[in-house]
């Protein structure tokens, strides 16, 4: 199934965000290559809708988030913000007022998704684009791509999750180093400090992303969604409370057909065929 969704006119480049589902993998592509996929007010609304759509679709087991052209995402579109079209303004078709409610933000919905998300960084990730990448479960990065955490050089803060994710991913001191210095990070450095899972040659990035997505999609989707929920809740729970929630989740999984299929396929020495039931 393929579903491409159009926002406002995109200067001859087609829909601003593309959405496609194939083989249990949803691919969301930021599609403003002429602006290095800078996020417009309409794109904020659309990303929220598409993240929720993917998470609520039983056929979707993995989401790939990437950008068209040579960039992943150059951040919020400053021209859009200055024009008051919903990012920083109060007017326009972007519906800026609704985005004062944090529950509507794409980055909030992204963090709450149970479906695993792979950010495929085909080019530079700056500002909002970097925060989007940090909100994914896994990050794959082209060797020519760059991470640009230059918020301090622009007089702002990471407004969409960076201050929450970086200390948890890297520890306080490393997060402070990256944020306060604001230096660009190349792919090799991002991989070395585990900010991305893998940095690979540009021409291998797409194949690796689909390899990982296909392998995840072949595993038991109910178990993976449960793992992600437990990862998320475990960040704010004490160990005893978390152990209790893990036990309850395990008991629920024991009653699924996927669990039975997992045991049966193991005994029969064949690949499992999970149905998400």
Protein backbone atom coordinates (compact mmCIF):
# COMPACT_ATOMS: atom_id res chain seq x y z
CA UNK A 1 0.00 0.00 0.00
CA UNK A 2 1.26 3.46 -0.90
CA UNK A 3 -0.20 6.71 0.40
CA UNK A 4 1.38 10.04 -0.50
CA UNK A 5 0.00 13.01 1.39
CA UNK A 6 0.14 16.55 0.08
CA UNK A 7 0.39 19.71 2.11
CA UNK A 8 0.78 23.16 0.52
CA UNK A 9 2.46 23.54 -2.92
CA UNK A 10 6.09 22.46 -2.76
CA UNK A 11 7.68 24.44 -5.60
CA UNK A 12 7.42 21.60 -8.09
CA UNK A 13 8.91 19.00 -5.77
CA UNK A 14 5.69 17.12 -5.01
CA UNK A 15 4.22 16.46 -1.55
CA UNK A 16 6.12 17.94 1.40
CA UNK A 17 6.00 14.61 3.24
CA UNK A 18 5.80 11.19 1.60
CA UNK A 19 4.27 8.16 3.30
CA UNK A 20 4.53 4.62 2.03
CA UNK A 21 3.88 1.20 3.56
CA UNK A 22 5.35 -2.00 2.14
CA UNK A 23 6.15 -5.33 3.79
CA UNK A 24 5.20 -4.06 7.26
CA UNK A 25 7.58 -1.07 6.97
CA UNK A 26 6.28 2.50 6.81
CA UNK A 27 8.66 5.00 5.24
CA UNK A 28 8.15 8.67 6.08
CA UNK A 29 10.23 10.95 3.87
CA UNK A 30 10.65 14.68 4.44
CA UNK A 31 10.34 16.03 0.93
CA UNK A 32 11.55 19.61 0.61
CA UNK A 33 14.96 18.92 -0.92
CA UNK A 34 15.25 22.49 -2.25
CA UNK A 35 15.20 23.64 1.42
CA UNK A 36 17.23 20.70 2.75
CA UNK A 37 13.94 19.44 4.17
CA UNK A 38 13.43 22.38 6.49
CA UNK A 39 10.21 21.89 8.45
CA UNK A 40 7.28 24.15 7.55
CA UNK A 41 4.27 24.73 9.78
CA UNK A 42 2.19 22.41 7.64
CA UNK A 43 4.83 19.71 7.90
CA UNK A 44 4.59 19.81 11.69
CA UNK A 45 0.89 19.05 11.48
CA UNK A 46 1.41 16.35 8.89
CA UNK A 47 4.24 14.64 10.77
CA UNK A 48 2.05 14.41 13.86
CA UNK A 49 -0.69 12.80 11.79
CA UNK A 50 1.62 10.36 10.04
CA UNK A 51 3.44 9.27 13.20
CA UNK A 52 0.07 8.54 14.82
CA UNK A 53 -1.20 6.82 11.66
CA UNK A 54 1.82 4.51 11.52
CA UNK A 55 1.62 3.70 15.23
CA UNK A 56 -2.08 2.82 14.98
CA UNK A 57 -1.72 0.66 11.86
CA UNK A 58 -1.46 -3.03 12.77
CA UNK A 59 0.21 -3.69 9.43
CA UNK A 60 3.13 -1.38 10.31
CA UNK A 61 5.84 -3.00 12.41
CA UNK A 62 8.72 -0.57 11.76
CA UNK A 63 8.96 3.07 10.66
CA UNK A 64 11.83 4.50 8.62
CA UNK A 65 12.21 8.28 8.88
CA UNK A 66 14.45 9.91 6.27
CA UNK A 67 14.86 12.92 4.01
CA UNK A 68 14.75 13.45 0.27
CA UNK A 69 17.77 14.69 -1.64
CA UNK A 70 21.06 15.52 0.05
CA UNK A 71 19.78 16.45 3.51
CA UNK A 72 17.93 14.76 6.35
CA UNK A 73 16.47 17.92 7.87
CA UNK A 74 17.96 21.39 8.24
CA UNK A 75 15.63 22.31 11.10
CA UNK A 76 12.58 24.53 11.31
CA UNK A 77 12.03 26.74 8.29
CA UNK A 78 13.03 30.20 9.53
CA UNK A 79 11.23 31.92 6.66
CA UNK A 80 8.07 30.10 7.66
CA UNK A 81 8.56 31.08 11.29
CA UNK A 82 9.21 34.72 10.50
CA UNK A 83 6.09 34.82 8.31
CA UNK A 84 4.02 33.58 11.26
CA UNK A 85 2.78 30.45 9.56
CA UNK A 86 2.55 28.26 12.60
CA UNK A 87 6.09 27.51 13.80
CA UNK A 88 6.84 30.62 15.78
CA UNK A 89 3.91 32.78 14.77
CA UNK A 90 0.26 32.83 15.64
CA UNK A 91 -1.35 32.99 12.23
CA UNK A 92 -1.35 31.24 8.93
CA UNK A 93 -2.39 27.76 7.92
CA UNK A 94 0.09 26.04 10.19
CA UNK A 95 -2.23 26.37 13.17
CA UNK A 96 0.34 27.81 15.54
CA UNK A 97 -2.08 27.99 18.45
CA UNK A 98 -2.60 24.24 18.47
CA UNK A 99 1.13 23.68 18.75
CA UNK A 100 1.20 25.52 22.05
CA UNK A 101 -0.33 22.23 23.26
CA UNK A 102 2.71 19.98 23.56
CA UNK A 103 0.67 16.83 23.06
CA UNK A 104 0.24 17.87 19.41
CA UNK A 105 3.95 18.13 18.69
CA UNK A 106 5.44 15.53 16.32
CA UNK A 107 8.38 15.01 18.66
CA UNK A 108 6.04 14.24 21.57
CA UNK A 109 4.04 11.76 19.49
CA UNK A 110 7.31 10.26 18.23
CA UNK A 111 8.49 9.68 21.79
CA UNK A 112 5.19 8.04 22.75
CA UNK A 113 5.05 5.65 19.77
CA UNK A 114 5.25 1.93 20.49
CA UNK A 115 6.30 1.15 16.91
CA UNK A 116 10.10 1.16 16.53
CA UNK A 117 11.51 4.02 14.44
CA UNK A 118 14.77 4.05 12.48
CA UNK A 119 16.13 7.49 11.58
CA UNK A 120 18.09 7.19 8.33
CA UNK A 121 20.37 10.22 8.19
CA UNK A 122 21.13 10.61 4.52
CA UNK A 123 22.47 14.13 5.04
CA UNK A 124 22.82 16.94 7.56
CA UNK A 125 20.58 16.93 10.64
CA UNK A 126 20.34 20.33 12.28
CA UNK A 127 18.09 21.89 14.89
CA UNK A 128 14.66 20.32 14.80
CA UNK A 129 16.02 17.67 12.44
CA UNK A 130 18.58 16.60 15.02
CA UNK A 131 15.90 16.39 17.70
CA UNK A 132 13.76 14.24 15.39
CA UNK A 133 16.69 11.88 14.90
CA UNK A 134 17.32 11.68 18.64
CA UNK A 135 13.69 10.69 19.14
CA UNK A 136 14.11 7.59 16.97
CA UNK A 137 15.01 4.22 18.50
CA UNK A 138 17.85 3.59 16.06
CA UNK A 139 19.97 5.92 13.94
CA UNK A 140 21.85 5.03 10.78
CA UNK A 141 24.06 7.71 9.25
CA UNK A 142 25.70 8.23 5.87
CA UNK A 143 29.44 8.79 6.15
CA UNK A 144 29.14 12.19 4.45
CA UNK A 145 26.34 13.40 6.74
CA UNK A 146 26.78 15.80 9.64
CA UNK A 147 25.02 16.47 12.94
CA UNK A 148 24.77 20.20 13.61
CA UNK A 149 23.93 20.94 17.27
CA UNK A 150 24.59 24.67 16.92
CA UNK A 151 21.76 25.94 19.11
CA UNK A 152 24.09 27.94 21.39
CA UNK A 153 25.48 29.72 18.33
CA UNK A 154 21.95 30.87 17.41
CA UNK A 155 20.85 31.98 20.86
CA UNK A 156 18.28 29.22 21.35
CA UNK A 157 17.93 25.84 23.03
CA UNK A 158 17.09 22.41 21.52
CA UNK A 159 13.37 23.07 21.62
CA UNK A 160 12.09 19.65 20.63
CA UNK A 161 13.73 17.03 22.80
CA UNK A 162 17.49 17.48 22.65
CA UNK A 163 17.82 18.62 26.27
CA UNK A 164 15.90 15.49 27.33
CA UNK A 165 17.55 12.94 25.04
CA UNK A 166 21.22 13.91 25.07
CA UNK A 167 21.89 13.50 28.84
CA UNK A 168 20.10 10.14 28.76
CA UNK A 169 21.90 8.91 25.66
CA UNK A 170 25.38 10.20 26.45
CA UNK A 171 25.52 11.31 30.09
CA UNK A 172 25.50 14.85 31.46
CA UNK A 173 29.09 15.82 30.71
CA UNK A 174 29.09 14.68 27.07
CA UNK A 175 25.67 16.26 26.49
CA UNK A 176 26.99 19.51 27.93
CA UNK A 177 30.09 19.36 25.72
CA UNK A 178 28.03 18.89 22.55
CA UNK A 179 25.41 21.49 23.48
CA UNK A 180 27.57 24.24 24.96
CA UNK A 181 30.32 24.08 22.34
CA UNK A 182 27.89 23.64 19.48
CA UNK A 183 30.47 22.04 17.23
CA UNK A 184 29.48 20.06 14.15
CA UNK A 185 29.80 16.27 14.48
CA UNK A 186 30.77 14.09 11.55
CA UNK A 187 29.52 10.54 11.11
CA UNK A 188 32.66 8.89 12.45
CA UNK A 189 32.51 10.89 15.69
CA UNK A 190 28.76 10.35 16.05
CA UNK A 191 29.30 6.60 15.77
CA UNK A 192 32.28 6.64 18.15
CA UNK A 193 30.25 8.21 20.97
CA UNK A 194 27.20 6.02 20.19
CA UNK A 195 25.01 8.91 19.13
CA UNK A 196 24.27 6.84 16.02
CA UNK A 197 24.22 3.06 15.78
CA UNK A 198 26.12 2.83 12.53
CA UNK A 199 27.90 5.13 10.08
CA UNK A 200 28.21 3.63 6.61
CA UNK A 201 29.21 4.72 3.11
CA UNK A 202 26.50 6.79 1.48
CA UNK A 203 25.70 4.19 -1.16
CA UNK A 204 25.12 1.51 1.48
CA UNK A 205 22.79 3.49 3.74
CA UNK A 206 19.43 2.66 2.14
CA UNK A 207 20.21 -1.03 1.86
CA UNK A 208 21.28 -1.23 5.51
CA UNK A 209 18.17 0.62 6.65
CA UNK A 210 15.90 -1.79 4.81
CA UNK A 211 17.91 -4.77 6.05
CA UNK A 212 17.43 -3.69 9.66
CA UNK A 213 13.77 -2.79 9.13
CA UNK A 214 13.04 -6.11 7.44
CA UNK A 215 14.75 -8.07 10.20
CA UNK A 216 12.85 -6.20 12.92
CA UNK A 217 9.56 -6.61 11.05
CA UNK A 218 10.11 -10.38 10.91
CA UNK A 219 10.27 -10.59 14.71
CA UNK A 220 7.26 -10.72 17.01
CA UNK A 221 5.62 -7.27 16.73
CA UNK A 222 3.70 -7.47 20.01
CA UNK A 223 6.88 -8.29 21.91
CA UNK A 224 8.83 -5.47 20.26
CA UNK A 225 6.12 -2.92 21.00
CA UNK A 226 6.06 -4.17 24.61
CA UNK A 227 9.86 -3.84 24.84
CA UNK A 228 9.68 -0.24 23.64
CA UNK A 229 6.96 0.63 26.16
CA UNK A 230 9.01 -0.95 28.94
CA UNK A 231 12.16 0.90 27.83
CA UNK A 232 10.23 4.16 27.95
CA UNK A 233 8.55 3.60 31.31
CA UNK A 234 11.72 2.17 32.82
CA UNK A 235 13.35 5.60 32.57
CA UNK A 236 11.09 6.93 35.31
CA UNK A 237 10.40 3.81 37.43
CA UNK A 238 12.30 2.24 40.27
CA UNK A 239 13.53 -1.30 39.65
CA UNK A 240 10.88 -3.07 41.74
CA UNK A 241 8.01 -1.23 40.05
CA UNK A 242 9.50 -1.87 36.65
CA UNK A 243 9.95 -5.57 37.42
CA UNK A 244 6.27 -5.76 38.32
CA UNK A 245 5.28 -4.18 34.99
CA UNK A 246 7.60 -6.53 33.09
CA UNK A 247 5.95 -9.53 34.78
CA UNK A 248 2.46 -8.32 33.85
CA UNK A 249 3.53 -7.74 30.25
CA UNK A 250 5.16 -11.16 30.08
CA UNK A 251 1.98 -12.84 31.29
CA UNK A 252 0.00 -11.08 28.56
CA UNK A 253 2.48 -12.17 25.90
CA UNK A 254 2.30 -15.78 27.10
CA UNK A 255 -1.34 -15.76 26.00
CA UNK A 256 -0.68 -14.66 22.42
CA UNK A 257 -0.60 -16.78 19.29
CA UNK A 258 2.76 -15.18 18.46
CA UNK A 259 4.25 -16.68 21.62
CA UNK A 260 2.93 -20.09 20.64
CA UNK A 261 4.36 -19.63 17.14
CA UNK A 262 7.72 -18.63 18.60
CA UNK A 263 7.91 -21.83 20.65
CA UNK A 264 6.62 -24.06 17.85
CA UNK A 265 8.97 -22.65 15.22
CA UNK A 266 11.90 -23.10 17.60
CA UNK A 267 11.02 -26.75 18.19
CA UNK A 268 10.43 -27.33 14.48
CA UNK A 269 13.67 -25.52 13.60
CA UNK A 270 12.06 -23.16 11.09
CA UNK A 271 11.69 -19.37 10.79
CA UNK A 272 8.68 -18.09 12.73
CA UNK A 273 5.72 -16.44 11.00
CA UNK A 274 4.33 -13.88 13.40
CA UNK A 275 0.86 -12.40 12.89
CA UNK A 276 0.76 -9.79 15.61
CA UNK A 277 -1.93 -11.66 17.53
